[in-house]
Amino acid sequence: AGAALRLAVTKRAANDPRTRQWAVTGINLAGSLVLGAISSWPGSGARSRLLLGTGFCGGFTTCSTMALESASLLRSNSFRAFAMHMILNALGCCAAAMTGSRVALALAKTR
């Protein structure tokens, strides 16, 4: 399901290489947020973490496509876009995972 959703999102952005790279970044950020939440949700068992984390999020996010898009930006001498792409994918995904974790823990406390 995750890979199918990624395909649908990237197909919508595929016509313009400038939007395709940002679609991949958005996918990686969203997947990191969800994975952070799944991994921190109290009471979530190992099975659900594997199914949703490894299965859905693993299929949804993609490091290889991010690397391909980054190389494409370098080949086209788009150095500023390359730098932003790398920063958002590296630091942004870490921040998104931490945010997802904190949101899950805060929501669990209100129950």
C-alpha atoms as a PDB file:
ATOM      1  CA  ALA A   1       0.000   0.000   0.000  1.00  0.00           C
ATOM      2  CA  GLY A   2       2.846   2.396   0.815  1.00  0.00           C
ATOM      3  CA  ALA A   3       4.604   1.851  -2.504  1.00  0.00           C
ATOM      4  CA  ALA A   4       1.330   2.290  -4.409  1.00  0.00           C
ATOM      5  CA  LEU A   5       0.669   5.572  -2.634  1.00  0.00           C
ATOM      6  CA  ARG A   6       4.218   6.771  -3.388  1.00  0.00           C
ATOM      7  CA  LEU A   7       3.751   5.866  -7.046  1.00  0.00           C
ATOM      8  CA  ALA A   8       0.482   7.806  -7.225  1.00  0.00           C
ATOM      9  CA  VAL A   9       2.037  10.902  -5.664  1.00  0.00           C
ATOM     10  CA  THR A  10       5.157  10.845  -7.828  1.00  0.00           C
ATOM     11  CA  LYS A  11       3.166  10.224 -11.016  1.00  0.00           C
ATOM     12  CA  ARG A  12       1.215  13.409 -10.370  1.00  0.00           C
ATOM     13  CA  ALA A  13       4.467  15.345 -10.089  1.00  0.00           C
ATOM     14  CA  ALA A  14       6.395  13.455 -12.813  1.00  0.00           C
ATOM     15  CA  ASN A  15       5.706  15.933 -15.588  1.00  0.00           C
ATOM     16  CA  ASP A  16       7.922  18.586 -14.044  1.00  0.00           C
ATOM     17  CA  PRO A  17      11.326  17.545 -12.645  1.00  0.00           C
ATOM     18  CA  ARG A  18      11.265  20.554 -10.317  1.00  0.00           C
ATOM     19  CA  THR A  19       8.123  19.322  -8.584  1.00  0.00           C
ATOM     20  CA  ARG A  20       9.076  15.636  -8.697  1.00  0.00           C
ATOM     21  CA  GLN A  21      12.016  16.122  -6.334  1.00  0.00           C
ATOM     22  CA  TRP A  22       9.818  17.981  -3.853  1.00  0.00           C
ATOM     23  CA  ALA A  23       7.182  15.269  -4.051  1.00  0.00           C
ATOM     24  CA  VAL A  24       9.829  12.748  -3.008  1.00  0.00           C
ATOM     25  CA  THR A  25      10.920  15.043  -0.174  1.00  0.00           C
ATOM     26  CA  GLY A  26       7.312  15.419   0.982  1.00  0.00           C
ATOM     27  CA  ILE A  27       6.845  11.657   0.879  1.00  0.00           C
ATOM     28  CA  ASN A  28       9.982  11.092   2.954  1.00  0.00           C
ATOM     29  CA  LEU A  29       8.945  13.753   5.486  1.00  0.00           C
ATOM     30  CA  ALA A  30       5.413  12.369   5.831  1.00  0.00           C
ATOM     31  CA  GLY A  31       6.667   8.798   6.116  1.00  0.00           C
ATOM     32  CA  SER A  32       9.182   9.804   8.797  1.00  0.00           C
ATOM     33  CA  LEU A  33       6.448  11.553  10.780  1.00  0.00           C
ATOM     34  CA  VAL A  34       4.202   8.492  10.621  1.00  0.00           C
ATOM     35  CA  LEU A  35       7.057   6.123  11.453  1.00  0.00           C
ATOM     36  CA  GLY A  36       7.996   8.245  14.462  1.00  0.00           C
ATOM     37  CA  ALA A  37       4.412   8.077  15.701  1.00  0.00           C
ATOM     38  CA  ILE A  38       4.106   4.329  15.113  1.00  0.00           C
ATOM     39  CA  SER A  39       7.343   3.572  16.906  1.00  0.00           C
ATOM     40  CA  SER A  40       6.360   5.571  19.995  1.00  0.00           C
ATOM     41  CA  TRP A  41       2.685   4.737  20.323  1.00  0.00           C
ATOM     42  CA  PRO A  42       2.279   3.034  23.713  1.00  0.00           C
ATOM     43  CA  GLY A  43       0.817  -0.400  23.453  1.00  0.00           C
ATOM     44  CA  SER A  44       1.601  -0.887  19.796  1.00  0.00           C
ATOM     45  CA  GLY A  45       2.893  -4.382  19.438  1.00  0.00           C
ATOM     46  CA  ALA A  46       5.841  -5.593  17.449  1.00  0.00           C
ATOM     47  CA  ARG A  47       3.524  -6.952  14.769  1.00  0.00           C
ATOM     48  CA  SER A  48       1.754  -3.652  14.151  1.00  0.00           C
ATOM     49  CA  ARG A  49       5.066  -1.776  14.151  1.00  0.00           C
ATOM     50  CA  LEU A  50       6.422  -4.199  11.553  1.00  0.00           C
ATOM     51  CA  LEU A  51       3.302  -4.018   9.403  1.00  0.00           C
ATOM     52  CA  LEU A  52       2.863  -0.249   9.492  1.00  0.00           C
ATOM     53  CA  GLY A  53       6.466   0.813  10.022  1.00  0.00           C
ATOM     54  CA  THR A  54       8.427  -1.553   7.851  1.00  0.00           C
ATOM     55  CA  GLY A  55       5.588  -2.458   5.500  1.00  0.00           C
ATOM     56  CA  PHE A  56       3.692   0.748   4.822  1.00  0.00           C
ATOM     57  CA  CYS A  57       6.305   3.392   5.662  1.00  0.00           C
ATOM     58  CA  GLY A  58       9.135   1.340   4.172  1.00  0.00           C
ATOM     59  CA  GLY A  59       7.247   1.085   0.900  1.00  0.00           C
ATOM     60  CA  PHE A  60       6.114   4.703   0.999  1.00  0.00           C
ATOM     61  CA  THR A  61       9.436   6.407   1.701  1.00  0.00           C
ATOM     62  CA  THR A  62      12.426   5.983  -0.530  1.00  0.00           C
ATOM     63  CA  CYS A  63      16.095   6.711  -0.120  1.00  0.00           C
ATOM     64  CA  SER A  64      17.006   5.458  -3.584  1.00  0.00           C
ATOM     65  CA  THR A  65      14.628   7.843  -5.342  1.00  0.00           C
ATOM     66  CA  MET A  66      15.898  10.682  -3.163  1.00  0.00           C
ATOM     67  CA  ALA A  67      19.458   9.840  -4.231  1.00  0.00           C
ATOM     68  CA  LEU A  68      18.427   9.708  -7.896  1.00  0.00           C
ATOM     69  CA  GLU A  69      16.668  13.076  -7.653  1.00  0.00           C
ATOM     70  CA  SER A  70      19.721  14.542  -5.907  1.00  0.00           C
ATOM     71  CA  ALA A  71      22.024  13.296  -8.660  1.00  0.00           C
ATOM     72  CA  SER A  72      19.673  14.756 -11.256  1.00  0.00           C
ATOM     73  CA  LEU A  73      19.859  18.150  -9.561  1.00  0.00           C
ATOM     74  CA  LEU A  74      23.658  18.002  -9.580  1.00  0.00           C
ATOM     75  CA  ARG A  75      23.752  17.016 -13.261  1.00  0.00           C
ATOM     76  CA  SER A  76      21.599  20.028 -14.093  1.00  0.00           C
ATOM     77  CA  ASN A  77      23.855  22.336 -12.027  1.00  0.00           C
ATOM     78  CA  SER A  78      20.978  23.148  -9.646  1.00  0.00           C
ATOM     79  CA  PHE A  79      23.250  23.419  -6.641  1.00  0.00           C
ATOM     80  CA  ARG A  80      20.897  25.469  -4.450  1.00  0.00           C
ATOM     81  CA  ALA A  81      18.015  23.065  -5.044  1.00  0.00           C
ATOM     82  CA  PHE A  82      20.387  20.137  -4.407  1.00  0.00           C
ATOM     83  CA  ALA A  83      21.452  21.606  -1.062  1.00  0.00           C
ATOM     84  CA  MET A  84      17.853  22.246   0.019  1.00  0.00           C
ATOM     85  CA  HIS A  85      16.831  18.772  -1.122  1.00  0.00           C
ATOM     86  CA  MET A  86      19.592  17.128   0.915  1.00  0.00           C
ATOM     87  CA  ILE A  87      19.000  19.263   4.015  1.00  0.00           C
ATOM     88  CA  LEU A  88      15.256  18.678   3.999  1.00  0.00           C
ATOM     89  CA  ASN A  89      15.645  14.947   3.448  1.00  0.00           C
ATOM     90  CA  ALA A  90      18.320  14.468   6.116  1.00  0.00           C
ATOM     91  CA  LEU A  91      17.491  16.934   8.865  1.00  0.00           C
ATOM     92  CA  GLY A  92      13.824  17.314   7.986  1.00  0.00           C
ATOM     93  CA  CYS A  93      13.142  13.585   8.170  1.00  0.00           C
ATOM     94  CA  CYS A  94      14.845  13.337  11.564  1.00  0.00           C
ATOM     95  CA  ALA A  95      12.794  16.270  12.835  1.00  0.00           C
ATOM     96  CA  ALA A  96       9.610  14.746  11.394  1.00  0.00           C
ATOM     97  CA  ALA A  97      10.278  11.411  13.121  1.00  0.00           C
ATOM     98  CA  MET A  98      10.884  13.173  16.433  1.00  0.00           C
ATOM     99  CA  THR A  99       7.705  15.212  15.976  1.00  0.00           C
ATOM    100  CA  GLY A 100       5.683  12.096  15.179  1.00  0.00           C
ATOM    101  CA  SER A 101       7.039  10.425  18.288  1.00  0.00           C
ATOM    102  CA  ARG A 102       6.175  13.383  20.511  1.00  0.00           C
ATOM    103  CA  VAL A 103       2.692  13.732  19.042  1.00  0.00           C
ATOM    104  CA  ALA A 104       1.986  10.031  19.589  1.00  0.00           C
ATOM    105  CA  LEU A 105       3.145  10.211  23.190  1.00  0.00           C
ATOM    106  CA  ALA A 106       1.112  13.379  23.843  1.00  0.00           C
ATOM    107  CA  LEU A 107      -2.022  11.840  22.289  1.00  0.00           C
ATOM    108  CA  ALA A 108      -1.564   8.679  24.348  1.00  0.00           C
ATOM    109  CA  LYS A 109      -1.474  10.747  27.562  1.00  0.00           C
ATOM    110  CA  THR A 110      -4.868  12.317  26.763  1.00  0.00           C
ATOM    111  CA  ARG A 111      -6.547   8.912  26.574  1.00  0.00           C
END
